[in-house]
Amino acid sequence: MLFRGKAPQTRSEIIAEADRARSKGRLKKAISGYRKALELEPKDPVIHGKLAPLLARAKQPEAALQSFQAAAQGHLDKGFADKALAVYSQAADTFPLQVKLWQQLAQLNASKGLRMDAVKTLLRGRLHFRRKHERRGAITLLQETLALDPTLFEVKRDLALQLSRERHQAEALALLNALMPEAKSRRQLRRLRWTLVQVEPGLGAWGRWLRAVVLGR
């Protein structure tokens, strides 16, 4: 009598096994299982969504970013914008210094008519860009914020300061001088004058800042 070998696992069984491995913290086994499932259906957004954070934990950032992007795009292709938003949000929280992720998250919010959510997303992303070598990212996010809402006083002030630190003095000064009529309170005026001191220090700038502090003008 001939004995038959064990039947190969179905895709559902492969995913279930990977899910169990993930729940038990068996990172390598879970990653291997999800990758095997993707060999059978490469564009599955749900599996990419499960795989991406595991790859990030396994210190495979490029692969993780690819899976996050595949998951988001897969959901969008199926018309599930809210699921894509959730993926981009998770991706941005996982890789907060990836400017593109904040941009994609904001663009998707804007495309759904959620302009204020898009603005908040860009400003949340900007908070992560604090170091010298991260200034270009901060500038990009601030510029995109103003493209959505050009009335934001503090965003303009912040942008001018970042531009000056990147040695774009003329652009920074032009932005600050144009902002002067928009200072509606003594606090705003003081902050604006202080930023001018930082951008172009000198007796005149210091004098105007002191006048704003003492006289409020």
N, C-alpha and C. Protein backbone atom coordinates (compact mmCIF):
# COMPACT_ATOMS: atom_id res chain seq x y z
N MET A 1 0.86 -1.19 0.00
CA MET A 1 0.00 0.00 0.00
C MET A 1 0.89 1.23 0.00
N LEU A 2 0.59 2.15 -0.87
CA LEU A 2 1.37 3.37 -0.95
C LEU A 2 0.82 4.41 0.02
N PHE A 3 1.78 5.10 0.68
CA PHE A 3 1.38 6.17 1.61
C PHE A 3 1.57 7.52 0.93
N ARG A 4 0.55 8.29 0.98
CA ARG A 4 0.62 9.62 0.40
C ARG A 4 1.30 10.59 1.37
N GLY A 5 2.10 11.50 0.81
CA GLY A 5 2.74 12.53 1.63
C GLY A 5 1.70 13.54 2.11
N LYS A 6 2.14 14.31 3.07
CA LYS A 6 1.25 15.32 3.63
C LYS A 6 0.89 16.35 2.56
N ALA A 7 -0.37 16.68 2.49
CA ALA A 7 -0.83 17.65 1.49
C ALA A 7 -0.23 19.01 1.78
N PRO A 8 0.15 19.74 0.73
CA PRO A 8 0.71 21.09 0.95
C PRO A 8 -0.32 22.01 1.60
N GLN A 9 0.19 22.95 2.37
CA GLN A 9 -0.70 23.89 3.04
C GLN A 9 -1.41 24.79 2.03
N THR A 10 -2.64 25.09 2.34
CA THR A 10 -3.34 26.08 1.54
C THR A 10 -2.87 27.47 1.97
N ARG A 11 -3.21 28.46 1.17
CA ARG A 11 -2.81 29.83 1.51
C ARG A 11 -3.45 30.26 2.83
N SER A 12 -4.69 29.87 3.04
CA SER A 12 -5.36 30.22 4.30
C SER A 12 -4.65 29.61 5.50
N GLU A 13 -4.18 28.39 5.35
CA GLU A 13 -3.45 27.72 6.43
C GLU A 13 -2.11 28.39 6.69
N ILE A 14 -1.45 28.82 5.63
CA ILE A 14 -0.17 29.52 5.76
C ILE A 14 -0.37 30.81 6.55
N ILE A 15 -1.42 31.54 6.20
CA ILE A 15 -1.70 32.82 6.88
C ILE A 15 -2.07 32.58 8.34
N ALA A 16 -2.89 31.57 8.58
CA ALA A 16 -3.29 31.26 9.96
C ALA A 16 -2.08 30.90 10.81
N GLU A 17 -1.16 30.15 10.24
CA GLU A 17 0.05 29.77 10.97
C GLU A 17 0.92 30.99 11.25
N ALA A 18 1.02 31.88 10.28
CA ALA A 18 1.79 33.12 10.46
C ALA A 18 1.15 34.01 11.51
N ASP A 19 -0.19 34.04 11.50
CA ASP A 19 -0.91 34.82 12.52
C ASP A 19 -0.62 34.30 13.92
N ARG A 20 -0.60 32.97 14.06
CA ARG A 20 -0.31 32.38 15.38
C ARG A 20 1.12 32.70 15.80
N ALA A 21 2.04 32.63 14.85
CA ALA A 21 3.44 32.96 15.16
C ALA A 21 3.56 34.42 15.59
N ARG A 22 2.83 35.28 14.91
CA ARG A 22 2.87 36.70 15.26
C ARG A 22 2.34 36.93 16.66
N SER A 23 1.23 36.27 16.99
CA SER A 23 0.63 36.45 18.32
C SER A 23 1.53 35.95 19.44
N LYS A 24 2.42 35.01 19.11
CA LYS A 24 3.34 34.46 20.11
C LYS A 24 4.70 35.16 20.10
N GLY A 25 4.81 36.20 19.26
CA GLY A 25 6.06 36.95 19.20
C GLY A 25 7.16 36.26 18.44
N ARG A 26 6.81 35.25 17.64
CA ARG A 26 7.82 34.54 16.85
C ARG A 26 7.99 35.27 15.52
N LEU A 27 8.83 36.29 15.57
CA LEU A 27 8.95 37.26 14.49
C LEU A 27 9.38 36.62 13.16
N LYS A 28 10.46 35.87 13.18
CA LYS A 28 10.99 35.29 11.95
C LYS A 28 9.99 34.34 11.30
N LYS A 29 9.34 33.53 12.11
CA LYS A 29 8.38 32.56 11.56
C LYS A 29 7.18 33.29 10.95
N ALA A 30 6.73 34.34 11.63
CA ALA A 30 5.60 35.11 11.10
C ALA A 30 5.97 35.78 9.78
N ILE A 31 7.14 36.40 9.73
CA ILE A 31 7.59 37.05 8.50
C ILE A 31 7.71 36.04 7.36
N SER A 32 8.29 34.91 7.66
CA SER A 32 8.43 33.87 6.65
C SER A 32 7.08 33.42 6.12
N GLY A 33 6.12 33.25 7.04
CA GLY A 33 4.79 32.81 6.63
C GLY A 33 4.08 33.82 5.75
N TYR A 34 4.13 35.10 6.15
CA TYR A 34 3.46 36.13 5.36
C TYR A 34 4.12 36.29 3.98
N ARG A 35 5.42 36.15 3.95
CA ARG A 35 6.10 36.23 2.65
C ARG A 35 5.70 35.06 1.75
N LYS A 36 5.54 33.90 2.35
CA LYS A 36 5.11 32.74 1.58
C LYS A 36 3.70 32.96 1.04
N ALA A 37 2.85 33.57 1.85
CA ALA A 37 1.49 33.86 1.40
C ALA A 37 1.50 34.87 0.25
N LEU A 38 2.42 35.83 0.33
CA LEU A 38 2.51 36.84 -0.72
C LEU A 38 3.04 36.27 -2.03
N GLU A 39 3.79 35.20 -1.96
CA GLU A 39 4.24 34.55 -3.19
C GLU A 39 3.04 34.06 -4.00
N LEU A 40 1.96 33.73 -3.31
CA LEU A 40 0.76 33.22 -3.98
C LEU A 40 -0.18 34.35 -4.39
N GLU A 41 -0.10 35.48 -3.68
CA GLU A 41 -0.94 36.64 -4.02
C GLU A 41 -0.14 37.90 -3.65
N PRO A 42 0.75 38.35 -4.55
CA PRO A 42 1.74 39.39 -4.21
C PRO A 42 1.18 40.75 -3.80
N LYS A 43 -0.03 41.07 -4.20
CA LYS A 43 -0.56 42.42 -3.95
C LYS A 43 -1.57 42.46 -2.81
N ASP A 44 -1.68 41.41 -2.05
CA ASP A 44 -2.67 41.36 -0.97
C ASP A 44 -2.38 42.46 0.06
N PRO A 45 -3.23 43.50 0.15
CA PRO A 45 -2.94 44.61 1.06
C PRO A 45 -3.04 44.23 2.54
N VAL A 46 -3.89 43.27 2.85
CA VAL A 46 -4.04 42.86 4.25
C VAL A 46 -2.76 42.18 4.75
N ILE A 47 -2.20 41.31 3.93
CA ILE A 47 -0.97 40.62 4.33
C ILE A 47 0.21 41.59 4.37
N HIS A 48 0.28 42.48 3.41
CA HIS A 48 1.33 43.50 3.45
C HIS A 48 1.20 44.35 4.71
N GLY A 49 -0.04 44.64 5.09
CA GLY A 49 -0.27 45.42 6.30
C GLY A 49 0.17 44.70 7.56
N LYS A 50 0.05 43.38 7.57
CA LYS A 50 0.53 42.59 8.70
C LYS A 50 2.05 42.46 8.70
N LEU A 51 2.60 42.33 7.50
CA LEU A 51 4.04 42.10 7.36
C LEU A 51 4.87 43.34 7.65
N ALA A 52 4.40 44.51 7.21
CA ALA A 52 5.20 45.73 7.29
C ALA A 52 5.72 46.05 8.70
N PRO A 53 4.86 46.09 9.72
CA PRO A 53 5.39 46.41 11.06
C PRO A 53 6.33 45.35 11.60
N LEU A 54 6.14 44.10 11.19
CA LEU A 54 7.07 43.04 11.62
C LEU A 54 8.44 43.25 11.00
N LEU A 55 8.47 43.66 9.75
CA LEU A 55 9.74 43.93 9.09
C LEU A 55 10.44 45.12 9.75
N ALA A 56 9.66 46.10 10.16
CA ALA A 56 10.25 47.25 10.86
C ALA A 56 10.88 46.80 12.17
N ARG A 57 10.19 45.94 12.91
CA ARG A 57 10.73 45.42 14.16
C ARG A 57 11.97 44.57 13.92
N ALA A 58 12.03 43.92 12.78
CA ALA A 58 13.17 43.07 12.44
C ALA A 58 14.33 43.85 11.83
N LYS A 59 14.25 45.18 11.88
CA LYS A 59 15.30 46.06 11.37
C LYS A 59 15.51 45.89 9.87
N GLN A 60 14.40 45.81 9.15
CA GLN A 60 14.43 45.75 7.69
C GLN A 60 13.60 46.93 7.16
N PRO A 61 14.09 48.15 7.35
CA PRO A 61 13.27 49.33 7.05
C PRO A 61 12.84 49.45 5.60
N GLU A 62 13.73 49.16 4.66
CA GLU A 62 13.36 49.30 3.24
C GLU A 62 12.24 48.34 2.87
N ALA A 63 12.37 47.10 3.32
CA ALA A 63 11.32 46.12 3.03
C ALA A 63 10.02 46.50 3.72
N ALA A 64 10.12 47.02 4.94
CA ALA A 64 8.93 47.44 5.67
C ALA A 64 8.22 48.58 4.95
N LEU A 65 8.98 49.57 4.48
CA LEU A 65 8.38 50.69 3.75
C LEU A 65 7.70 50.21 2.47
N GLN A 66 8.33 49.26 1.78
CA GLN A 66 7.73 48.72 0.56
C GLN A 66 6.40 48.04 0.86
N SER A 67 6.35 47.31 1.98
CA SER A 67 5.10 46.62 2.32
C SER A 67 4.03 47.61 2.77
N PHE A 68 4.44 48.65 3.51
CA PHE A 68 3.46 49.69 3.89
C PHE A 68 2.87 50.33 2.64
N GLN A 69 3.74 50.67 1.69
CA GLN A 69 3.26 51.29 0.45
C GLN A 69 2.36 50.35 -0.33
N ALA A 70 2.74 49.08 -0.40
CA ALA A 70 1.93 48.10 -1.12
C ALA A 70 0.57 47.93 -0.46
N ALA A 71 0.55 47.93 0.88
CA ALA A 71 -0.72 47.79 1.60
C ALA A 71 -1.63 48.97 1.33
N ALA A 72 -1.08 50.18 1.45
CA ALA A 72 -1.89 51.38 1.22
C ALA A 72 -2.41 51.43 -0.21
N GLN A 73 -1.52 51.19 -1.18
CA GLN A 73 -1.94 51.24 -2.58
C GLN A 73 -2.95 50.15 -2.90
N GLY A 74 -2.77 48.98 -2.30
CA GLY A 74 -3.72 47.89 -2.51
C GLY A 74 -5.11 48.25 -2.02
N HIS A 75 -5.18 48.89 -0.86
CA HIS A 75 -6.49 49.33 -0.34
C HIS A 75 -7.10 50.41 -1.24
N LEU A 76 -6.26 51.33 -1.70
CA LEU A 76 -6.76 52.39 -2.59
C LEU A 76 -7.29 51.81 -3.89
N ASP A 77 -6.57 50.83 -4.43
CA ASP A 77 -7.01 50.21 -5.68
C ASP A 77 -8.37 49.54 -5.54
N LYS A 78 -8.68 49.12 -4.32
CA LYS A 78 -9.97 48.48 -4.07
C LYS A 78 -11.04 49.47 -3.59
N GLY A 79 -10.64 50.75 -3.50
CA GLY A 79 -11.60 51.78 -3.11
C GLY A 79 -11.75 51.97 -1.61
N PHE A 80 -10.80 51.44 -0.84
CA PHE A 80 -10.89 51.54 0.62
C PHE A 80 -9.93 52.63 1.12
N ALA A 81 -10.33 53.89 0.93
CA ALA A 81 -9.45 55.01 1.29
C ALA A 81 -9.19 55.06 2.80
N ASP A 82 -10.20 54.74 3.61
CA ASP A 82 -10.02 54.80 5.06
C ASP A 82 -8.98 53.78 5.53
N LYS A 83 -8.97 52.61 4.91
CA LYS A 83 -7.97 51.61 5.26
C LYS A 83 -6.57 52.06 4.84
N ALA A 84 -6.50 52.72 3.69
CA ALA A 84 -5.22 53.25 3.24
C ALA A 84 -4.72 54.33 4.19
N LEU A 85 -5.63 55.17 4.67
CA LEU A 85 -5.27 56.19 5.66
C LEU A 85 -4.69 55.56 6.92
N ALA A 86 -5.31 54.49 7.37
CA ALA A 86 -4.83 53.81 8.57
C ALA A 86 -3.43 53.25 8.36
N VAL A 87 -3.18 52.72 7.17
CA VAL A 87 -1.85 52.17 6.86
C VAL A 87 -0.81 53.27 6.83
N TYR A 88 -1.12 54.37 6.14
CA TYR A 88 -0.17 55.48 6.06
C TYR A 88 0.10 56.07 7.44
N SER A 89 -0.93 56.13 8.27
CA SER A 89 -0.75 56.65 9.62
C SER A 89 0.19 55.76 10.42
N GLN A 90 -0.01 54.46 10.33
CA GLN A 90 0.88 53.53 11.02
C GLN A 90 2.30 53.62 10.48
N ALA A 91 2.42 53.76 9.17
CA ALA A 91 3.74 53.85 8.55
C ALA A 91 4.47 55.12 9.00
N ALA A 92 3.74 56.24 9.03
CA ALA A 92 4.36 57.50 9.45
C ALA A 92 4.77 57.45 10.91
N ASP A 93 3.99 56.81 11.75
CA ASP A 93 4.36 56.67 13.16
C ASP A 93 5.57 55.75 13.32
N THR A 94 5.69 54.78 12.43
CA THR A 94 6.81 53.84 12.49
C THR A 94 8.09 54.46 11.95
N PHE A 95 7.95 55.25 10.87
CA PHE A 95 9.11 55.91 10.24
C PHE A 95 8.84 57.42 10.18
N PRO A 96 8.89 58.10 11.33
CA PRO A 96 8.49 59.51 11.38
C PRO A 96 9.38 60.48 10.60
N LEU A 97 10.57 60.05 10.20
CA LEU A 97 11.45 60.93 9.43
C LEU A 97 11.38 60.68 7.93
N GLN A 98 10.37 59.94 7.51
CA GLN A 98 10.11 59.75 6.08
C GLN A 98 9.10 60.81 5.63
N VAL A 99 9.62 61.87 5.05
CA VAL A 99 8.76 62.99 4.64
C VAL A 99 7.63 62.52 3.73
N LYS A 100 7.95 61.62 2.82
CA LYS A 100 6.98 61.16 1.83
C LYS A 100 5.73 60.57 2.48
N LEU A 101 5.91 59.88 3.59
CA LEU A 101 4.76 59.27 4.26
C LEU A 101 3.80 60.33 4.79
N TRP A 102 4.34 61.39 5.40
CA TRP A 102 3.48 62.48 5.89
C TRP A 102 2.78 63.17 4.72
N GLN A 103 3.51 63.32 3.61
CA GLN A 103 2.90 63.93 2.43
C GLN A 103 1.76 63.08 1.89
N GLN A 104 1.99 61.78 1.79
CA GLN A 104 0.96 60.89 1.26
C GLN A 104 -0.27 60.86 2.17
N LEU A 105 -0.02 60.85 3.47
CA LEU A 105 -1.12 60.84 4.43
C LEU A 105 -1.94 62.13 4.31
N ALA A 106 -1.24 63.26 4.19
CA ALA A 106 -1.92 64.54 4.06
C ALA A 106 -2.68 64.62 2.74
N GLN A 107 -2.04 64.17 1.65
CA GLN A 107 -2.69 64.22 0.33
C GLN A 107 -3.96 63.38 0.30
N LEU A 108 -3.91 62.25 0.97
CA LEU A 108 -5.09 61.38 0.98
C LEU A 108 -6.22 62.03 1.79
N ASN A 109 -5.86 62.65 2.91
CA ASN A 109 -6.87 63.39 3.68
C ASN A 109 -7.47 64.51 2.85
N ALA A 110 -6.61 65.24 2.16
CA ALA A 110 -7.09 66.36 1.34
C ALA A 110 -8.00 65.87 0.21
N SER A 111 -7.65 64.74 -0.39
CA SER A 111 -8.46 64.20 -1.48
C SER A 111 -9.85 63.77 -1.02
N LYS A 112 -9.96 63.48 0.28
CA LYS A 112 -11.26 63.11 0.86
C LYS A 112 -12.02 64.35 1.36
N GLY A 113 -11.45 65.54 1.12
CA GLY A 113 -12.09 66.77 1.56
C GLY A 113 -11.78 67.12 3.00
N LEU A 114 -10.82 66.42 3.60
CA LEU A 114 -10.48 66.65 5.01
C LEU A 114 -9.25 67.56 5.09
N ARG A 115 -9.44 68.81 4.67
CA ARG A 115 -8.31 69.73 4.58
C ARG A 115 -7.65 69.99 5.93
N MET A 116 -8.46 70.19 6.96
CA MET A 116 -7.89 70.47 8.28
C MET A 116 -7.14 69.26 8.83
N ASP A 117 -7.64 68.08 8.53
CA ASP A 117 -6.91 66.87 8.95
C ASP A 117 -5.58 66.78 8.23
N ALA A 118 -5.57 67.20 6.96
CA ALA A 118 -4.32 67.20 6.20
C ALA A 118 -3.32 68.18 6.82
N VAL A 119 -3.81 69.36 7.21
CA VAL A 119 -2.95 70.36 7.85
C VAL A 119 -2.39 69.82 9.16
N LYS A 120 -3.25 69.22 9.97
CA LYS A 120 -2.81 68.67 11.25
C LYS A 120 -1.79 67.56 11.05
N THR A 121 -1.97 66.77 10.02
CA THR A 121 -1.03 65.69 9.71
C THR A 121 0.35 66.25 9.40
N LEU A 122 0.41 67.26 8.55
CA LEU A 122 1.69 67.85 8.17
C LEU A 122 2.39 68.49 9.37
N LEU A 123 1.60 69.14 10.23
CA LEU A 123 2.20 69.78 11.40
C LEU A 123 2.65 68.73 12.42
N ARG A 124 1.93 67.64 12.51
CA ARG A 124 2.36 66.55 13.40
C ARG A 124 3.68 65.97 12.89
N GLY A 125 3.77 65.84 11.58
CA GLY A 125 5.02 65.35 11.01
C GLY A 125 6.17 66.31 11.24
N ARG A 126 5.89 67.61 11.10
CA ARG A 126 6.96 68.60 11.27
C ARG A 126 7.62 68.51 12.64
N LEU A 127 6.87 68.12 13.67
CA LEU A 127 7.42 68.04 15.02
C LEU A 127 8.58 67.07 15.14
N HIS A 128 8.68 66.13 14.23
CA HIS A 128 9.75 65.13 14.29
C HIS A 128 11.06 65.63 13.68
N PHE A 129 10.98 66.73 12.94
CA PHE A 129 12.16 67.21 12.21
C PHE A 129 12.79 68.37 12.98
N ARG A 130 13.63 68.04 13.94
CA ARG A 130 14.18 69.03 14.86
C ARG A 130 15.68 69.25 14.70
N ARG A 131 16.38 68.30 14.16
CA ARG A 131 17.83 68.39 14.07
C ARG A 131 18.28 69.13 12.82
N LYS A 132 19.55 69.53 12.84
CA LYS A 132 20.09 70.32 11.73
C LYS A 132 19.92 69.62 10.39
N HIS A 133 20.26 68.34 10.35
CA HIS A 133 20.20 67.62 9.07
C HIS A 133 18.76 67.27 8.66
N GLU A 134 17.79 67.61 9.51
CA GLU A 134 16.39 67.34 9.20
C GLU A 134 15.63 68.58 8.76
N ARG A 135 16.32 69.70 8.64
CA ARG A 135 15.63 70.96 8.33
C ARG A 135 14.93 70.96 6.99
N ARG A 136 15.53 70.32 5.99
CA ARG A 136 14.89 70.32 4.68
C ARG A 136 13.53 69.63 4.75
N GLY A 137 13.45 68.58 5.55
CA GLY A 137 12.16 67.92 5.74
C GLY A 137 11.16 68.83 6.42
N ALA A 138 11.62 69.55 7.45
CA ALA A 138 10.73 70.49 8.15
C ALA A 138 10.22 71.56 7.20
N ILE A 139 11.12 72.10 6.38
CA ILE A 139 10.73 73.16 5.43
C ILE A 139 9.69 72.64 4.44
N THR A 140 9.91 71.44 3.93
CA THR A 140 8.96 70.86 2.97
C THR A 140 7.57 70.73 3.59
N LEU A 141 7.50 70.21 4.80
CA LEU A 141 6.20 70.01 5.45
C LEU A 141 5.54 71.34 5.78
N LEU A 142 6.32 72.33 6.20
CA LEU A 142 5.75 73.65 6.49
C LEU A 142 5.23 74.32 5.21
N GLN A 143 5.97 74.19 4.13
CA GLN A 143 5.52 74.77 2.85
C GLN A 143 4.23 74.12 2.37
N GLU A 144 4.13 72.81 2.53
CA GLU A 144 2.91 72.13 2.10
C GLU A 144 1.73 72.48 3.01
N THR A 145 2.02 72.72 4.27
CA THR A 145 0.96 73.17 5.18
C THR A 145 0.40 74.50 4.73
N LEU A 146 1.28 75.42 4.39
CA LEU A 146 0.83 76.75 3.96
C LEU A 146 0.13 76.70 2.60
N ALA A 147 0.47 75.71 1.79
CA ALA A 147 -0.24 75.56 0.52
C ALA A 147 -1.71 75.20 0.76
N LEU A 148 -1.95 74.51 1.87
CA LEU A 148 -3.32 74.14 2.23
C LEU A 148 -4.03 75.25 3.00
N ASP A 149 -3.28 75.96 3.84
CA ASP A 149 -3.86 77.04 4.63
C ASP A 149 -2.82 78.16 4.78
N PRO A 150 -2.86 79.16 3.92
CA PRO A 150 -1.86 80.23 3.93
C PRO A 150 -2.05 81.26 5.04
N THR A 151 -2.98 81.05 5.96
CA THR A 151 -3.27 82.04 7.00
C THR A 151 -2.58 81.74 8.33
N LEU A 152 -1.83 80.67 8.39
CA LEU A 152 -1.28 80.21 9.67
C LEU A 152 -0.03 81.01 10.06
N PHE A 153 -0.21 81.92 11.01
CA PHE A 153 0.85 82.85 11.43
C PHE A 153 2.08 82.11 11.94
N GLU A 154 1.90 81.19 12.90
CA GLU A 154 3.03 80.51 13.50
C GLU A 154 3.77 79.61 12.52
N VAL A 155 3.04 79.07 11.57
CA VAL A 155 3.67 78.22 10.56
C VAL A 155 4.58 79.07 9.68
N LYS A 156 4.13 80.26 9.32
CA LYS A 156 4.96 81.16 8.51
C LYS A 156 6.21 81.58 9.28
N ARG A 157 6.03 81.89 10.55
CA ARG A 157 7.17 82.29 11.37
C ARG A 157 8.19 81.15 11.49
N ASP A 158 7.68 79.96 11.72
CA ASP A 158 8.54 78.78 11.83
C ASP A 158 9.28 78.54 10.51
N LEU A 159 8.56 78.66 9.40
CA LEU A 159 9.18 78.45 8.09
C LEU A 159 10.30 79.45 7.86
N ALA A 160 10.05 80.71 8.19
CA ALA A 160 11.07 81.74 8.00
C ALA A 160 12.33 81.42 8.81
N LEU A 161 12.15 80.97 10.02
CA LEU A 161 13.29 80.64 10.87
C LEU A 161 14.09 79.47 10.30
N GLN A 162 13.37 78.44 9.82
CA GLN A 162 14.05 77.28 9.23
C GLN A 162 14.79 77.67 7.95
N LEU A 163 14.18 78.53 7.15
CA LEU A 163 14.82 78.99 5.92
C LEU A 163 16.11 79.74 6.23
N SER A 164 16.05 80.59 7.25
CA SER A 164 17.25 81.37 7.59
C SER A 164 18.37 80.45 8.07
N ARG A 165 18.02 79.40 8.79
CA ARG A 165 19.02 78.46 9.28
C ARG A 165 19.62 77.63 8.15
N GLU A 166 18.90 77.57 7.04
CA GLU A 166 19.43 76.92 5.85
C GLU A 166 20.08 77.93 4.90
N ARG A 167 20.31 79.14 5.43
CA ARG A 167 21.00 80.22 4.71
C ARG A 167 20.21 80.78 3.54
N HIS A 168 18.89 80.79 3.69
CA HIS A 168 18.03 81.46 2.72
C HIS A 168 17.51 82.75 3.37
N GLN A 169 18.45 83.65 3.68
CA GLN A 169 18.11 84.85 4.44
C GLN A 169 17.09 85.74 3.74
N ALA A 170 17.30 85.98 2.45
CA ALA A 170 16.41 86.88 1.72
C ALA A 170 14.97 86.36 1.73
N GLU A 171 14.84 85.07 1.49
CA GLU A 171 13.50 84.47 1.48
C GLU A 171 12.86 84.53 2.87
N ALA A 172 13.67 84.30 3.90
CA ALA A 172 13.16 84.34 5.27
C ALA A 172 12.71 85.76 5.63
N LEU A 173 13.52 86.75 5.30
CA LEU A 173 13.18 88.14 5.62
C LEU A 173 11.94 88.60 4.87
N ALA A 174 11.83 88.21 3.61
CA ALA A 174 10.65 88.58 2.83
C ALA A 174 9.38 88.00 3.46
N LEU A 175 9.48 86.77 3.93
CA LEU A 175 8.33 86.12 4.56
C LEU A 175 7.95 86.82 5.86
N LEU A 176 8.96 87.19 6.66
CA LEU A 176 8.70 87.84 7.95
C LEU A 176 8.16 89.25 7.75
N ASN A 177 8.70 89.99 6.80
CA ASN A 177 8.22 91.35 6.57
C ASN A 177 6.78 91.34 6.06
N ALA A 178 6.46 90.36 5.23
CA ALA A 178 5.07 90.24 4.75
C ALA A 178 4.14 89.82 5.87
N LEU A 179 4.70 89.19 6.88
CA LEU A 179 3.88 88.70 8.00
C LEU A 179 3.56 89.81 9.00
N MET A 180 4.32 90.91 8.96
CA MET A 180 4.16 91.97 9.94
C MET A 180 2.71 92.48 10.08
N PRO A 181 2.00 92.76 8.97
CA PRO A 181 0.62 93.24 9.13
C PRO A 181 -0.34 92.20 9.72
N GLU A 182 0.09 90.94 9.74
CA GLU A 182 -0.78 89.88 10.24
C GLU A 182 -0.65 89.67 11.75
N ALA A 183 0.29 90.37 12.38
CA ALA A 183 0.45 90.25 13.83
C ALA A 183 -0.70 90.98 14.52
N LYS A 184 -1.62 90.22 15.08
CA LYS A 184 -2.86 90.80 15.63
C LYS A 184 -2.82 91.00 17.14
N SER A 185 -1.77 90.53 17.78
CA SER A 185 -1.68 90.67 19.24
C SER A 185 -0.25 91.04 19.62
N ARG A 186 -0.09 91.52 20.85
CA ARG A 186 1.25 91.87 21.33
C ARG A 186 2.15 90.63 21.36
N ARG A 187 1.56 89.51 21.72
CA ARG A 187 2.34 88.28 21.78
C ARG A 187 2.87 87.91 20.40
N GLN A 188 2.00 87.98 19.39
CA GLN A 188 2.43 87.67 18.03
C GLN A 188 3.51 88.64 17.57
N LEU A 189 3.34 89.92 17.90
CA LEU A 189 4.32 90.92 17.48
C LEU A 189 5.67 90.67 18.15
N ARG A 190 5.65 90.35 19.44
CA ARG A 190 6.90 90.06 20.14
C ARG A 190 7.61 88.86 19.53
N ARG A 191 6.84 87.82 19.24
CA ARG A 191 7.44 86.61 18.67
C ARG A 191 8.00 86.89 17.27
N LEU A 192 7.29 87.68 16.51
CA LEU A 192 7.74 88.03 15.17
C LEU A 192 9.02 88.86 15.23
N ARG A 193 9.05 89.86 16.12
CA ARG A 193 10.24 90.69 16.27
C ARG A 193 11.44 89.85 16.74
N TRP A 194 11.19 88.90 17.64
CA TRP A 194 12.27 88.06 18.12
C TRP A 194 12.81 87.16 17.00
N THR A 195 11.93 86.69 16.14
CA THR A 195 12.37 85.87 15.01
C THR A 195 13.23 86.71 14.07
N LEU A 196 12.87 87.97 13.89
CA LEU A 196 13.68 88.86 13.05
C LEU A 196 15.07 89.05 13.64
N VAL A 197 15.15 89.11 14.98
CA VAL A 197 16.45 89.20 15.63
C VAL A 197 17.27 87.96 15.33
N GLN A 198 16.62 86.80 15.37
CA GLN A 198 17.33 85.54 15.11
C GLN A 198 17.79 85.44 13.65
N VAL A 199 16.95 85.95 12.75
CA VAL A 199 17.26 85.85 11.32
C VAL A 199 18.31 86.87 10.91
N GLU A 200 18.19 88.09 11.40
CA GLU A 200 19.13 89.15 11.03
C GLU A 200 19.46 89.98 12.27
N PRO A 201 20.32 89.47 13.14
CA PRO A 201 20.64 90.19 14.36
C PRO A 201 21.35 91.51 14.08
N GLY A 202 21.02 92.50 14.87
CA GLY A 202 21.62 93.82 14.72
C GLY A 202 20.95 94.78 15.68
N LEU A 203 21.51 95.96 15.84
CA LEU A 203 20.94 96.92 16.79
C LEU A 203 19.51 97.29 16.44
N GLY A 204 19.26 97.44 15.14
CA GLY A 204 17.91 97.81 14.72
C GLY A 204 16.90 96.74 15.08
N ALA A 205 17.24 95.49 14.81
CA ALA A 205 16.33 94.38 15.12
C ALA A 205 16.11 94.25 16.62
N TRP A 206 17.20 94.40 17.39
CA TRP A 206 17.06 94.33 18.85
C TRP A 206 16.20 95.47 19.37
N GLY A 207 16.38 96.67 18.79
CA GLY A 207 15.58 97.82 19.23
C GLY A 207 14.11 97.63 18.94
N ARG A 208 13.79 97.09 17.76
CA ARG A 208 12.38 96.86 17.41
C ARG A 208 11.77 95.79 18.31
N TRP A 209 12.56 94.76 18.63
CA TRP A 209 12.05 93.73 19.54
C TRP A 209 11.77 94.32 20.91
N LEU A 210 12.70 95.16 21.43
CA LEU A 210 12.51 95.77 22.75
C LEU A 210 11.30 96.67 22.76
N ARG A 211 11.08 97.40 21.68
CA ARG A 211 9.91 98.28 21.60
C ARG A 211 8.62 97.45 21.61
N ALA A 212 8.67 96.28 20.92
CA ALA A 212 7.49 95.41 20.93
C ALA A 212 7.21 94.89 22.32
N VAL A 213 8.26 94.57 23.08
CA VAL A 213 8.10 94.06 24.44
C VAL A 213 7.54 95.14 25.36
N VAL A 214 8.11 96.35 25.25
CA VAL A 214 7.76 97.44 26.19
C VAL A 214 6.46 98.14 25.77
N LEU A 215 6.39 98.46 24.50
CA LEU A 215 5.26 99.29 24.03
C LEU A 215 4.19 98.49 23.29
N GLY A 216 4.54 97.27 22.88
CA GLY A 216 3.57 96.46 22.14
C GLY A 216 3.36 96.93 20.72
N ARG A 217 4.40 97.56 20.16
CA ARG A 217 4.26 98.01 18.75
C ARG A 217 5.63 98.03 18.06
